Amino acid sequence: MIFPPFKKHEWQPVKALVKAHRSKYNDYAVFFYNEFAPDVIAMIWRPDAFKPQPFSAIVSECKRPVAEIWKDDSLVITSTDDLMAEIGHFSRNLVSNFKVRVETQFNVLLFCYSIIFHISAI
């Protein structure tokens, strides 16, 4: 008779948080962490998430106008401030500290924001 592998720890809040972030924010960012030392969760923005798009009410969550003056045919872009506020609120019970690193690679004109979540002691 073969038994399924025994799980030593069923409660894995970091794994559950990363899974929830991946399912909700997969279009905007990539989340990753070290499974064996899960005290840091890292996030990097997807560059395609910040391309200007025509306004649509269906996909208007966390969007802002590109131009300061709104017109009928204005383009919108993803608002990093709104996304970070939502991610911070969503993970407030587990994350104790946010650190933001901004790196710019001029050879591909890609703005890359890395967010590191420090997990509070459980």
PDB file of N, CA and C in Angstrom:
ATOM      1  N   MET A   1       0.837  -1.180   0.000  1.00  0.00           N
ATOM      2  CA  MET A   1       0.000   0.000   0.000  1.00  0.00           C
ATOM      3  C   MET A   1       0.884   1.246   0.000  1.00  0.00           C
ATOM      4  N   ILE A   2       0.596   2.186  -0.898  1.00  0.00           N
ATOM      5  CA  ILE A   2       1.377   3.419  -1.003  1.00  0.00           C
ATOM      6  C   ILE A   2       0.587   4.546  -0.372  1.00  0.00           C
ATOM      7  N   PHE A   3       1.237   5.255   0.550  1.00  0.00           N
ATOM      8  CA  PHE A   3       0.607   6.384   1.231  1.00  0.00           C
ATOM      9  C   PHE A   3       1.037   7.686   0.566  1.00  0.00           C
ATOM     10  N   PRO A   4       0.177   8.683   0.551  1.00  0.00           N
ATOM     11  CA  PRO A   4       0.588   9.992   0.013  1.00  0.00           C
ATOM     12  C   PRO A   4       1.656  10.602   0.906  1.00  0.00           C
ATOM     13  N   PRO A   5       2.492  11.453   0.356  1.00  0.00           N
ATOM     14  CA  PRO A   5       3.544  12.069   1.184  1.00  0.00           C
ATOM     15  C   PRO A   5       2.939  12.875   2.337  1.00  0.00           C
ATOM     16  N   PHE A   6       3.555  12.777   3.478  1.00  0.00           N
ATOM     17  CA  PHE A   6       3.091  13.467   4.675  1.00  0.00           C
ATOM     18  C   PHE A   6       3.557  14.918   4.624  1.00  0.00           C
ATOM     19  N   LYS A   7       2.638  15.835   4.808  1.00  0.00           N
ATOM     20  CA  LYS A   7       2.979  17.255   4.850  1.00  0.00           C
ATOM     21  C   LYS A   7       3.227  17.660   6.293  1.00  0.00           C
ATOM     22  N   LYS A   8       4.413  18.184   6.546  1.00  0.00           N
ATOM     23  CA  LYS A   8       4.760  18.573   7.910  1.00  0.00           C
ATOM     24  C   LYS A   8       4.028  19.833   8.344  1.00  0.00           C
ATOM     25  N   HIS A   9       3.886  20.749   7.427  1.00  0.00           N
ATOM     26  CA  HIS A   9       3.264  22.025   7.760  1.00  0.00           C
ATOM     27  C   HIS A   9       2.154  22.313   6.760  1.00  0.00           C
ATOM     28  N   GLU A  10       0.956  22.306   7.199  1.00  0.00           N
ATOM     29  CA  GLU A  10      -0.169  22.609   6.319  1.00  0.00           C
ATOM     30  C   GLU A  10      -0.390  24.110   6.184  1.00  0.00           C
ATOM     31  N   TRP A  11      -0.129  24.863   7.228  1.00  0.00           N
ATOM     32  CA  TRP A  11      -0.389  26.297   7.207  1.00  0.00           C
ATOM     33  C   TRP A  11       0.813  27.006   6.615  1.00  0.00           C
ATOM     34  N   GLN A  12       0.679  27.520   5.407  1.00  0.00           N
ATOM     35  CA  GLN A  12       1.761  28.211   4.701  1.00  0.00           C
ATOM     36  C   GLN A  12       1.239  29.555   4.205  1.00  0.00           C
ATOM     37  N   PRO A  13       1.239  30.554   5.072  1.00  0.00           N
ATOM     38  CA  PRO A  13       0.634  31.842   4.702  1.00  0.00           C
ATOM     39  C   PRO A  13       1.357  32.557   3.568  1.00  0.00           C
ATOM     40  N   VAL A  14       2.670  32.437   3.493  1.00  0.00           N
ATOM     41  CA  VAL A  14       3.408  33.120   2.425  1.00  0.00           C
ATOM     42  C   VAL A  14       3.066  32.502   1.077  1.00  0.00           C
ATOM     43  N   LYS A  15       3.024  31.195   1.032  1.00  0.00           N
ATOM     44  CA  LYS A  15       2.667  30.500  -0.199  1.00  0.00           C
ATOM     45  C   LYS A  15       1.249  30.874  -0.636  1.00  0.00           C
ATOM     46  N   ALA A  16       0.335  30.946   0.332  1.00  0.00           N
ATOM     47  CA  ALA A  16      -1.045  31.324   0.021  1.00  0.00           C
ATOM     48  C   ALA A  16      -1.126  32.776  -0.471  1.00  0.00           C
ATOM     49  N   LEU A  17      -0.351  33.676   0.144  1.00  0.00           N
ATOM     50  CA  LEU A  17      -0.355  35.080  -0.273  1.00  0.00           C
ATOM     51  C   LEU A  17       0.196  35.236  -1.681  1.00  0.00           C
ATOM     52  N   VAL A  18       1.298  34.560  -1.975  1.00  0.00           N
ATOM     53  CA  VAL A  18       1.889  34.647  -3.316  1.00  0.00           C
ATOM     54  C   VAL A  18       0.930  34.065  -4.354  1.00  0.00           C
ATOM     55  N   LYS A  19       0.280  32.971  -4.023  1.00  0.00           N
ATOM     56  CA  LYS A  19      -0.693  32.372  -4.943  1.00  0.00           C
ATOM     57  C   LYS A  19      -1.856  33.339  -5.212  1.00  0.00           C
ATOM     58  N   ALA A  20      -2.329  34.003  -4.163  1.00  0.00           N
ATOM     59  CA  ALA A  20      -3.415  34.975  -4.325  1.00  0.00           C
ATOM     60  C   ALA A  20      -2.965  36.168  -5.166  1.00  0.00           C
ATOM     61  N   HIS A  21      -1.746  36.668  -4.914  1.00  0.00           N
ATOM     62  CA  HIS A  21      -1.220  37.783  -5.710  1.00  0.00           C
ATOM     63  C   HIS A  21      -1.053  37.380  -7.170  1.00  0.00           C
ATOM     64  N   ARG A  22      -0.546  36.179  -7.397  1.00  0.00           N
ATOM     65  CA  ARG A  22      -0.362  35.718  -8.777  1.00  0.00           C
ATOM     66  C   ARG A  22      -1.695  35.605  -9.513  1.00  0.00           C
ATOM     67  N   SER A  23      -2.708  35.132  -8.826  1.00  0.00           N
ATOM     68  CA  SER A  23      -3.995  34.980  -9.501  1.00  0.00           C
ATOM     69  C   SER A  23      -4.670  36.331  -9.770  1.00  0.00           C
ATOM     70  N   LYS A  24      -4.500  37.295  -8.860  1.00  0.00           N
ATOM     71  CA  LYS A  24      -5.178  38.577  -9.014  1.00  0.00           C
ATOM     72  C   LYS A  24      -4.397  39.572  -9.883  1.00  0.00           C
ATOM     73  N   TYR A  25      -3.075  39.584  -9.755  1.00  0.00           N
ATOM     74  CA  TYR A  25      -2.255  40.610 -10.413  1.00  0.00           C
ATOM     75  C   TYR A  25      -1.335  40.050 -11.491  1.00  0.00           C
ATOM     76  N   ASN A  26      -1.646  38.897 -12.039  1.00  0.00           N
ATOM     77  CA  ASN A  26      -0.789  38.259 -13.030  1.00  0.00           C
ATOM     78  C   ASN A  26      -0.602  39.106 -14.285  1.00  0.00           C
ATOM     79  N   ASP A  27      -1.575  39.908 -14.647  1.00  0.00           N
ATOM     80  CA  ASP A  27      -1.452  40.762 -15.830  1.00  0.00           C
ATOM     81  C   ASP A  27      -0.491  41.925 -15.609  1.00  0.00           C
ATOM     82  N   TYR A  28      -0.239  42.275 -14.365  1.00  0.00           N
ATOM     83  CA  TYR A  28       0.577  43.442 -14.043  1.00  0.00           C
ATOM     84  C   TYR A  28       1.988  43.113 -13.569  1.00  0.00           C
ATOM     85  N   ALA A  29       2.174  41.989 -12.863  1.00  0.00           N
ATOM     86  CA  ALA A  29       3.460  41.721 -12.224  1.00  0.00           C
ATOM     87  C   ALA A  29       3.724  40.224 -12.080  1.00  0.00           C
ATOM     88  N   VAL A  30       4.991  39.926 -11.798  1.00  0.00           N
ATOM     89  CA  VAL A  30       5.422  38.557 -11.515  1.00  0.00           C
ATOM     90  C   VAL A  30       5.863  38.532 -10.052  1.00  0.00           C
ATOM     91  N   PHE A  31       5.355  37.572  -9.291  1.00  0.00           N
ATOM     92  CA  PHE A  31       5.700  37.430  -7.879  1.00  0.00           C
ATOM     93  C   PHE A  31       6.534  36.173  -7.688  1.00  0.00           C
ATOM     94  N   PHE A  32       7.551  36.269  -6.834  1.00  0.00           N
ATOM     95  CA  PHE A  32       8.354  35.093  -6.538  1.00  0.00           C
ATOM     96  C   PHE A  32       8.923  35.203  -5.132  1.00  0.00           C
ATOM     97  N   TYR A  33       9.315  34.053  -4.576  1.00  0.00           N
ATOM     98  CA  TYR A  33       9.862  33.994  -3.229  1.00  0.00           C
ATOM     99  C   TYR A  33      10.665  32.712  -3.088  1.00  0.00           C
ATOM    100  N   ASN A  34      11.457  32.627  -2.034  1.00  0.00           N
ATOM    101  CA  ASN A  34      12.220  31.427  -1.731  1.00  0.00           C
ATOM    102  C   ASN A  34      11.350  30.535  -0.856  1.00  0.00           C
ATOM    103  N   GLU A  35      11.043  29.363  -1.339  1.00  0.00           N
ATOM    104  CA  GLU A  35      10.145  28.455  -0.622  1.00  0.00           C
ATOM    105  C   GLU A  35      10.732  27.983   0.707  1.00  0.00           C
ATOM    106  N   PHE A  36      12.065  27.906   0.793  1.00  0.00           N
ATOM    107  CA  PHE A  36      12.708  27.377   1.995  1.00  0.00           C
ATOM    108  C   PHE A  36      13.026  28.448   3.030  1.00  0.00           C
ATOM    109  N   ALA A  37      13.051  29.697   2.615  1.00  0.00           N
ATOM    110  CA  ALA A  37      13.257  30.818   3.533  1.00  0.00           C
ATOM    111  C   ALA A  37      12.312  31.936   3.109  1.00  0.00           C
ATOM    112  N   PRO A  38      11.011  31.779   3.388  1.00  0.00           N
ATOM    113  CA  PRO A  38      10.010  32.705   2.828  1.00  0.00           C
ATOM    114  C   PRO A  38       9.833  33.988   3.621  1.00  0.00           C
ATOM    115  N   ASP A  39      10.932  34.677   3.928  1.00  0.00           N
ATOM    116  CA  ASP A  39      10.790  35.930   4.648  1.00  0.00           C
ATOM    117  C   ASP A  39      10.756  37.133   3.710  1.00  0.00           C
ATOM    118  N   VAL A  40      10.969  36.913   2.420  1.00  0.00           N
ATOM    119  CA  VAL A  40      10.936  37.994   1.435  1.00  0.00           C
ATOM    120  C   VAL A  40      10.129  37.526   0.228  1.00  0.00           C
ATOM    121  N   ILE A  41       9.208  38.367  -0.209  1.00  0.00           N
ATOM    122  CA  ILE A  41       8.474  38.151  -1.450  1.00  0.00           C
ATOM    123  C   ILE A  41       8.887  39.280  -2.384  1.00  0.00           C
ATOM    124  N   ALA A  42       9.250  38.934  -3.604  1.00  0.00           N
ATOM    125  CA  ALA A  42       9.664  39.961  -4.566  1.00  0.00           C
ATOM    126  C   ALA A  42       8.638  40.051  -5.684  1.00  0.00           C
ATOM    127  N   MET A  43       8.561  41.226  -6.273  1.00  0.00           N
ATOM    128  CA  MET A  43       7.629  41.474  -7.363  1.00  0.00           C
ATOM    129  C   MET A  43       8.327  42.318  -8.408  1.00  0.00           C
ATOM    130  N   ILE A  44       8.122  41.982  -9.669  1.00  0.00           N
ATOM    131  CA  ILE A  44       8.661  42.805 -10.751  1.00  0.00           C
ATOM    132  C   ILE A  44       7.519  43.078 -11.727  1.00  0.00           C
ATOM    133  N   TRP A  45       7.433  44.319 -12.185  1.00  0.00           N
ATOM    134  CA  TRP A  45       6.355  44.707 -13.084  1.00  0.00           C
ATOM    135  C   TRP A  45       6.533  44.075 -14.446  1.00  0.00           C
ATOM    136  N   ARG A  46       5.448  43.723 -15.092  1.00  0.00           N
ATOM    137  CA  ARG A  46       5.469  43.285 -16.485  1.00  0.00           C
ATOM    138  C   ARG A  46       5.463  44.547 -17.358  1.00  0.00           C
ATOM    139  N   PRO A  47       6.395  44.661 -18.301  1.00  0.00           N
ATOM    140  CA  PRO A  47       6.452  45.884 -19.124  1.00  0.00           C
ATOM    141  C   PRO A  47       5.199  46.103 -19.964  1.00  0.00           C
ATOM    142  N   ASP A  48       4.547  45.042 -20.398  1.00  0.00           N
ATOM    143  CA  ASP A  48       3.348  45.188 -21.221  1.00  0.00           C
ATOM    144  C   ASP A  48       2.179  45.800 -20.458  1.00  0.00           C
ATOM    145  N   ALA A  49       2.233  45.756 -19.146  1.00  0.00           N
ATOM    146  CA  ALA A  49       1.132  46.297 -18.342  1.00  0.00           C
ATOM    147  C   ALA A  49       1.078  47.825 -18.391  1.00  0.00           C
ATOM    148  N   PHE A  50       2.137  48.463 -18.872  1.00  0.00           N
ATOM    149  CA  PHE A  50       2.217  49.919 -18.842  1.00  0.00           C
ATOM    150  C   PHE A  50       2.203  50.548 -20.227  1.00  0.00           C
ATOM    151  N   LYS A  51       1.698  49.810 -21.189  1.00  0.00           N
ATOM    152  CA  LYS A  51       1.533  50.383 -22.519  1.00  0.00           C
ATOM    153  C   LYS A  51       0.211  51.151 -22.556  1.00  0.00           C
ATOM    154  N   PRO A  52       0.206  52.337 -23.141  1.00  0.00           N
ATOM    155  CA  PRO A  52      -1.053  53.090 -23.257  1.00  0.00           C
ATOM    156  C   PRO A  52      -2.087  52.314 -24.076  1.00  0.00           C
ATOM    157  N   GLN A  53      -3.325  52.352 -23.597  1.00  0.00           N
ATOM    158  CA  GLN A  53      -4.425  51.643 -24.245  1.00  0.00           C
ATOM    159  C   GLN A  53      -5.614  52.590 -24.359  1.00  0.00           C
ATOM    160  N   PRO A  54      -6.505  52.311 -25.300  1.00  0.00           N
ATOM    161  CA  PRO A  54      -7.745  53.095 -25.347  1.00  0.00           C
ATOM    162  C   PRO A  54      -8.598  52.789 -24.115  1.00  0.00           C
ATOM    163  N   PHE A  55      -9.337  53.764 -23.655  1.00  0.00           N
ATOM    164  CA  PHE A  55     -10.176  53.571 -22.477  1.00  0.00           C
ATOM    165  C   PHE A  55     -11.282  52.569 -22.756  1.00  0.00           C
ATOM    166  N   SER A  56     -11.502  51.686 -21.793  1.00  0.00           N
ATOM    167  CA  SER A  56     -12.606  50.735 -21.842  1.00  0.00           C
ATOM    168  C   SER A  56     -13.101  50.549 -20.417  1.00  0.00           C
ATOM    169  N   ALA A  57     -14.393  50.616 -20.218  1.00  0.00           N
ATOM    170  CA  ALA A  57     -14.952  50.462 -18.872  1.00  0.00           C
ATOM    171  C   ALA A  57     -14.727  49.064 -18.322  1.00  0.00           C
ATOM    172  N   ILE A  58     -14.586  48.083 -19.189  1.00  0.00           N
ATOM    173  CA  ILE A  58     -14.394  46.699 -18.746  1.00  0.00           C
ATOM    174  C   ILE A  58     -13.031  46.513 -18.076  1.00  0.00           C
ATOM    175  N   VAL A  59     -12.002  47.165 -18.586  1.00  0.00           N
ATOM    176  CA  VAL A  59     -10.655  47.023 -18.039  1.00  0.00           C
ATOM    177  C   VAL A  59     -10.151  48.346 -17.460  1.00  0.00           C
ATOM    178  N   SER A  60     -10.990  49.046 -16.747  1.00  0.00           N
ATOM    179  CA  SER A  60     -10.613  50.356 -16.222  1.00  0.00           C
ATOM    180  C   SER A  60     -10.078  50.317 -14.799  1.00  0.00           C
ATOM    181  N   GLU A  61      -9.988  49.148 -14.201  1.00  0.00           N
ATOM    182  CA  GLU A  61      -9.483  49.041 -12.832  1.00  0.00           C
ATOM    183  C   GLU A  61      -7.999  49.416 -12.789  1.00  0.00           C
ATOM    184  N   CYS A  62      -7.632  50.284 -11.872  1.00  0.00           N
ATOM    185  CA  CYS A  62      -6.249  50.747 -11.677  1.00  0.00           C
ATOM    186  C   CYS A  62      -5.679  51.424 -12.924  1.00  0.00           C
ATOM    187  N   LYS A  63      -6.483  52.169 -13.628  1.00  0.00           N
ATOM    188  CA  LYS A  63      -6.026  52.903 -14.816  1.00  0.00           C
ATOM    189  C   LYS A  63      -6.153  54.394 -14.569  1.00  0.00           C
ATOM    190  N   ARG A  64      -5.319  55.152 -15.247  1.00  0.00           N
ATOM    191  CA  ARG A  64      -5.386  56.608 -15.191  1.00  0.00           C
ATOM    192  C   ARG A  64      -5.110  57.153 -16.579  1.00  0.00           C
ATOM    193  N   PRO A  65      -5.561  58.368 -16.871  1.00  0.00           N
ATOM    194  CA  PRO A  65      -5.312  58.944 -18.197  1.00  0.00           C
ATOM    195  C   PRO A  65      -3.825  59.226 -18.405  1.00  0.00           C
ATOM    196  N   VAL A  66      -3.375  59.062 -19.626  1.00  0.00           N
ATOM    197  CA  VAL A  66      -1.982  59.369 -19.949  1.00  0.00           C
ATOM    198  C   VAL A  66      -1.777  60.877 -19.955  1.00  0.00           C
ATOM    199  N   ALA A  67      -2.686  61.603 -20.596  1.00  0.00           N
ATOM    200  CA  ALA A  67      -2.599  63.063 -20.666  1.00  0.00           C
ATOM    201  C   ALA A  67      -3.331  63.676 -19.472  1.00  0.00           C
ATOM    202  N   GLU A  68      -2.962  64.892 -19.151  1.00  0.00           N
ATOM    203  CA  GLU A  68      -3.610  65.566 -18.029  1.00  0.00           C
ATOM    204  C   GLU A  68      -5.000  66.078 -18.390  1.00  0.00           C
ATOM    205  N   ILE A  69      -5.240  66.323 -19.654  1.00  0.00           N
ATOM    206  CA  ILE A  69      -6.550  66.795 -20.098  1.00  0.00           C
ATOM    207  C   ILE A  69      -7.284  65.619 -20.729  1.00  0.00           C
ATOM    208  N   TRP A  70      -8.441  65.277 -20.199  1.00  0.00           N
ATOM    209  CA  TRP A  70      -9.213  64.123 -20.664  1.00  0.00           C
ATOM    210  C   TRP A  70     -10.042  64.510 -21.891  1.00  0.00           C
ATOM    211  N   LYS A  71      -9.920  63.686 -22.933  1.00  0.00           N
ATOM    212  CA  LYS A  71     -10.724  63.853 -24.145  1.00  0.00           C
ATOM    213  C   LYS A  71     -11.469  62.550 -24.397  1.00  0.00           C
ATOM    214  N   ASP A  72     -12.366  62.558 -25.362  1.00  0.00           N
ATOM    215  CA  ASP A  72     -13.154  61.360 -25.656  1.00  0.00           C
ATOM    216  C   ASP A  72     -12.304  60.175 -26.091  1.00  0.00           C
ATOM    217  N   ASP A  73     -11.239  60.426 -26.817  1.00  0.00           N
ATOM    218  CA  ASP A  73     -10.411  59.338 -27.327  1.00  0.00           C
ATOM    219  C   ASP A  73      -9.067  59.230 -26.597  1.00  0.00           C
ATOM    220  N   SER A  74      -9.010  59.624 -25.345  1.00  0.00           N
ATOM    221  CA  SER A  74      -7.764  59.603 -24.589  1.00  0.00           C
ATOM    222  C   SER A  74      -7.334  58.171 -24.277  1.00  0.00           C
ATOM    223  N   LEU A  75      -6.031  58.040 -24.116  1.00  0.00           N
ATOM    224  CA  LEU A  75      -5.464  56.753 -23.744  1.00  0.00           C
ATOM    225  C   LEU A  75      -5.306  56.673 -22.229  1.00  0.00           C
ATOM    226  N   VAL A  76      -5.312  55.450 -21.705  1.00  0.00           N
ATOM    227  CA  VAL A  76      -5.105  55.238 -20.275  1.00  0.00           C
ATOM    228  C   VAL A  76      -3.900  54.330 -20.085  1.00  0.00           C
ATOM    229  N   ILE A  77      -3.339  54.410 -18.892  1.00  0.00           N
ATOM    230  CA  ILE A  77      -2.176  53.612 -18.523  1.00  0.00           C
ATOM    231  C   ILE A  77      -2.398  53.072 -17.113  1.00  0.00           C
ATOM    232  N   THR A  78      -1.753  51.985 -16.773  1.00  0.00           N
ATOM    233  CA  THR A  78      -1.884  51.397 -15.438  1.00  0.00           C
ATOM    234  C   THR A  78      -1.267  52.322 -14.400  1.00  0.00           C
ATOM    235  N   SER A  79      -1.961  52.537 -13.313  1.00  0.00           N
ATOM    236  CA  SER A  79      -1.490  53.395 -12.228  1.00  0.00           C
ATOM    237  C   SER A  79      -0.760  52.541 -11.186  1.00  0.00           C
ATOM    238  N   THR A  80       0.548  52.724 -11.099  1.00  0.00           N
ATOM    239  CA  THR A  80       1.333  51.948 -10.131  1.00  0.00           C
ATOM    240  C   THR A  80       0.961  52.312  -8.698  1.00  0.00           C
ATOM    241  N   ASP A  81       0.616  53.567  -8.460  1.00  0.00           N
ATOM    242  CA  ASP A  81       0.236  53.973  -7.102  1.00  0.00           C
ATOM    243  C   ASP A  81      -1.015  53.238  -6.638  1.00  0.00           C
ATOM    244  N   ASP A  82      -2.009  53.143  -7.506  1.00  0.00           N
ATOM    245  CA  ASP A  82      -3.235  52.422  -7.144  1.00  0.00           C
ATOM    246  C   ASP A  82      -2.975  50.937  -6.937  1.00  0.00           C
ATOM    247  N   LEU A  83      -2.159  50.348  -7.809  1.00  0.00           N
ATOM    248  CA  LEU A  83      -1.844  48.927  -7.660  1.00  0.00           C
ATOM    249  C   LEU A  83      -1.079  48.649  -6.370  1.00  0.00           C
ATOM    250  N   MET A  84      -0.097  49.493  -6.055  1.00  0.00           N
ATOM    251  CA  MET A  84       0.686  49.274  -4.837  1.00  0.00           C
ATOM    252  C   MET A  84      -0.170  49.469  -3.589  1.00  0.00           C
ATOM    253  N   ALA A  85      -1.066  50.431  -3.618  1.00  0.00           N
ATOM    254  CA  ALA A  85      -1.975  50.619  -2.479  1.00  0.00           C
ATOM    255  C   ALA A  85      -2.868  49.397  -2.306  1.00  0.00           C
ATOM    256  N   GLU A  86      -3.361  48.854  -3.405  1.00  0.00           N
ATOM    257  CA  GLU A  86      -4.224  47.677  -3.333  1.00  0.00           C
ATOM    258  C   GLU A  86      -3.451  46.446  -2.866  1.00  0.00           C
ATOM    259  N   ILE A  87      -2.243  46.256  -3.387  1.00  0.00           N
ATOM    260  CA  ILE A  87      -1.419  45.116  -2.966  1.00  0.00           C
ATOM    261  C   ILE A  87      -1.051  45.247  -1.490  1.00  0.00           C
ATOM    262  N   GLY A  88      -0.694  46.449  -1.063  1.00  0.00           N
ATOM    263  CA  GLY A  88      -0.366  46.671   0.350  1.00  0.00           C
ATOM    264  C   GLY A  88      -1.542  46.406   1.268  1.00  0.00           C
ATOM    265  N   HIS A  89      -2.717  46.831   0.861  1.00  0.00           N
ATOM    266  CA  HIS A  89      -3.915  46.589   1.668  1.00  0.00           C
ATOM    267  C   HIS A  89      -4.258  45.099   1.691  1.00  0.00           C
ATOM    268  N   PHE A  90      -4.100  44.445   0.559  1.00  0.00           N
ATOM    269  CA  PHE A  90      -4.420  43.028   0.444  1.00  0.00           C
ATOM    270  C   PHE A  90      -3.500  42.159   1.311  1.00  0.00           C
ATOM    271  N   SER A  91      -2.247  42.587   1.497  1.00  0.00           N
ATOM    272  CA  SER A  91      -1.284  41.784   2.245  1.00  0.00           C
ATOM    273  C   SER A  91      -0.907  42.408   3.587  1.00  0.00           C
ATOM    274  N   ARG A  92      -1.740  43.270   4.110  1.00  0.00           N
ATOM    275  CA  ARG A  92      -1.419  44.010   5.335  1.00  0.00           C
ATOM    276  C   ARG A  92      -1.268  43.128   6.572  1.00  0.00           C
ATOM    277  N   ASN A  93      -1.913  41.979   6.610  1.00  0.00           N
ATOM    278  CA  ASN A  93      -1.831  41.124   7.798  1.00  0.00           C
ATOM    279  C   ASN A  93      -0.562  40.295   7.852  1.00  0.00           C
ATOM    280  N   LEU A  94       0.171  40.225   6.771  1.00  0.00           N
ATOM    281  CA  LEU A  94       1.367  39.396   6.723  1.00  0.00           C
ATOM    282  C   LEU A  94       2.632  40.187   6.423  1.00  0.00           C
ATOM    283  N   VAL A  95       2.528  41.240   5.657  1.00  0.00           N
ATOM    284  CA  VAL A  95       3.693  42.010   5.231  1.00  0.00           C
ATOM    285  C   VAL A  95       3.940  43.147   6.212  1.00  0.00           C
ATOM    286  N   SER A  96       5.186  43.250   6.664  1.00  0.00           N
ATOM    287  CA  SER A  96       5.504  44.293   7.637  1.00  0.00           C
ATOM    288  C   SER A  96       6.241  45.479   7.025  1.00  0.00           C
ATOM    289  N   ASN A  97       6.840  45.309   5.850  1.00  0.00           N
ATOM    290  CA  ASN A  97       7.669  46.361   5.304  1.00  0.00           C
ATOM    291  C   ASN A  97       7.704  46.244   3.781  1.00  0.00           C
ATOM    292  N   PHE A  98       7.638  47.372   3.087  1.00  0.00           N
ATOM    293  CA  PHE A  98       7.788  47.421   1.634  1.00  0.00           C
ATOM    294  C   PHE A  98       9.069  48.166   1.312  1.00  0.00           C
ATOM    295  N   LYS A  99       9.858  47.644   0.409  1.00  0.00           N
ATOM    296  CA  LYS A  99      11.024  48.354  -0.114  1.00  0.00           C
ATOM    297  C   LYS A  99      10.875  48.398  -1.621  1.00  0.00           C
ATOM    298  N   VAL A 100      11.023  49.582  -2.187  1.00  0.00           N
ATOM    299  CA  VAL A 100      10.876  49.753  -3.628  1.00  0.00           C
ATOM    300  C   VAL A 100      12.234  50.093  -4.219  1.00  0.00           C
ATOM    301  N   ARG A 101      12.632  49.311  -5.211  1.00  0.00           N
ATOM    302  CA  ARG A 101      13.864  49.589  -5.960  1.00  0.00           C
ATOM    303  C   ARG A 101      13.472  49.940  -7.378  1.00  0.00           C
ATOM    304  N   VAL A 102      14.008  51.016  -7.892  1.00  0.00           N
ATOM    305  CA  VAL A 102      13.708  51.440  -9.265  1.00  0.00           C
ATOM    306  C   VAL A 102      14.990  51.295 -10.070  1.00  0.00           C
ATOM    307  N   GLU A 103      14.913  50.509 -11.128  1.00  0.00           N
ATOM    308  CA  GLU A 103      16.054  50.326 -12.019  1.00  0.00           C
ATOM    309  C   GLU A 103      15.614  50.691 -13.424  1.00  0.00           C
ATOM    310  N   THR A 104      16.460  51.403 -14.133  1.00  0.00           N
ATOM    311  CA  THR A 104      16.150  51.792 -15.504  1.00  0.00           C
ATOM    312  C   THR A 104      17.217  51.203 -16.417  1.00  0.00           C
ATOM    313  N   GLN A 105      16.791  50.454 -17.396  1.00  0.00           N
ATOM    314  CA  GLN A 105      17.712  49.908 -18.388  1.00  0.00           C
ATOM    315  C   GLN A 105      17.508  50.700 -19.674  1.00  0.00           C
ATOM    316  N   PHE A 106      18.451  51.558 -19.991  1.00  0.00           N
ATOM    317  CA  PHE A 106      18.275  52.445 -21.137  1.00  0.00           C
ATOM    318  C   PHE A 106      18.396  51.714 -22.466  1.00  0.00           C
ATOM    319  N   ASN A 107      19.062  50.564 -22.480  1.00  0.00           N
ATOM    320  CA  ASN A 107      19.230  49.890 -23.762  1.00  0.00           C
ATOM    321  C   ASN A 107      17.916  49.336 -24.306  1.00  0.00           C
ATOM    322  N   VAL A 108      16.954  49.057 -23.458  1.00  0.00           N
ATOM    323  CA  VAL A 108      15.650  48.598 -23.938  1.00  0.00           C
ATOM    324  C   VAL A 108      14.520  49.539 -23.503  1.00  0.00           C
ATOM    325  N   LEU A 109      14.860  50.642 -22.876  1.00  0.00           N
ATOM    326  CA  LEU A 109      13.885  51.617 -22.396  1.00  0.00           C
ATOM    327  C   LEU A 109      12.789  50.957 -21.554  1.00  0.00           C
ATOM    328  N   LEU A 110      13.210  50.159 -20.611  1.00  0.00           N
ATOM    329  CA  LEU A 110      12.295  49.433 -19.742  1.00  0.00           C
ATOM    330  C   LEU A 110      12.455  49.952 -18.325  1.00  0.00           C
ATOM    331  N   PHE A 111      11.358  50.376 -17.725  1.00  0.00           N
ATOM    332  CA  PHE A 111      11.379  50.800 -16.339  1.00  0.00           C
ATOM    333  C   PHE A 111      10.950  49.615 -15.489  1.00  0.00           C
ATOM    334  N   CYS A 112      11.806  49.205 -14.619  1.00  0.00           N
ATOM    335  CA  CYS A 112      11.597  47.969 -13.880  1.00  0.00           C
ATOM    336  C   CYS A 112      11.502  48.305 -12.390  1.00  0.00           C
ATOM    337  N   TYR A 113      10.371  48.063 -11.785  1.00  0.00           N
ATOM    338  CA  TYR A 113      10.164  48.330 -10.377  1.00  0.00           C
ATOM    339  C   TYR A 113      10.133  47.011  -9.625  1.00  0.00           C
ATOM    340  N   SER A 114      10.990  46.863  -8.647  1.00  0.00           N
ATOM    341  CA  SER A 114      10.989  45.657  -7.827  1.00  0.00           C
ATOM    342  C   SER A 114      10.486  46.028  -6.442  1.00  0.00           C
ATOM    343  N   ILE A 115       9.563  45.277  -5.940  1.00  0.00           N
ATOM    344  CA  ILE A 115       9.019  45.518  -4.616  1.00  0.00           C
ATOM    345  C   ILE A 115       9.349  44.309  -3.760  1.00  0.00           C
ATOM    346  N   ILE A 116       9.959  44.530  -2.636  1.00  0.00           N
ATOM    347  CA  ILE A 116      10.312  43.426  -1.757  1.00  0.00           C
ATOM    348  C   ILE A 116       9.445  43.540  -0.516  1.00  0.00           C
ATOM    349  N   PHE A 117       8.727  42.488  -0.214  1.00  0.00           N
ATOM    350  CA  PHE A 117       7.858  42.428   0.953  1.00  0.00           C
ATOM    351  C   PHE A 117       8.614  41.722   2.066  1.00  0.00           C
ATOM    352  N   HIS A 118       8.770  42.346   3.203  1.00  0.00           N
ATOM    353  CA  HIS A 118       9.375  41.673   4.350  1.00  0.00           C
ATOM    354  C   HIS A 118       8.246  41.096   5.197  1.00  0.00           C
ATOM    355  N   ILE A 119       8.320  39.813   5.432  1.00  0.00           N
ATOM    356  CA  ILE A 119       7.274  39.113   6.149  1.00  0.00           C
ATOM    357  C   ILE A 119       7.494  39.263   7.641  1.00  0.00           C
ATOM    358  N   SER A 120       6.436  39.618   8.350  1.00  0.00           N
ATOM    359  CA  SER A 120       6.528  39.751   9.792  1.00  0.00           C
ATOM    360  C   SER A 120       6.595  38.376  10.438  1.00  0.00           C
ATOM    361  N   ALA A 121       7.172  38.311  11.604  1.00  0.00           N
ATOM    362  CA  ALA A 121       7.295  37.034  12.325  1.00  0.00           C
ATOM    363  C   ALA A 121       5.908  36.509  12.660  1.00  0.00           C
ATOM    364  N   ILE A 122       5.708  35.266  12.379  1.00  0.00           N
ATOM    365  CA  ILE A 122       4.388  34.658  12.557  1.00  0.00           C
ATOM    366  C   ILE A 122       4.336  33.906  13.872  1.00  0.00           C
TER     367      ILE A 122
END
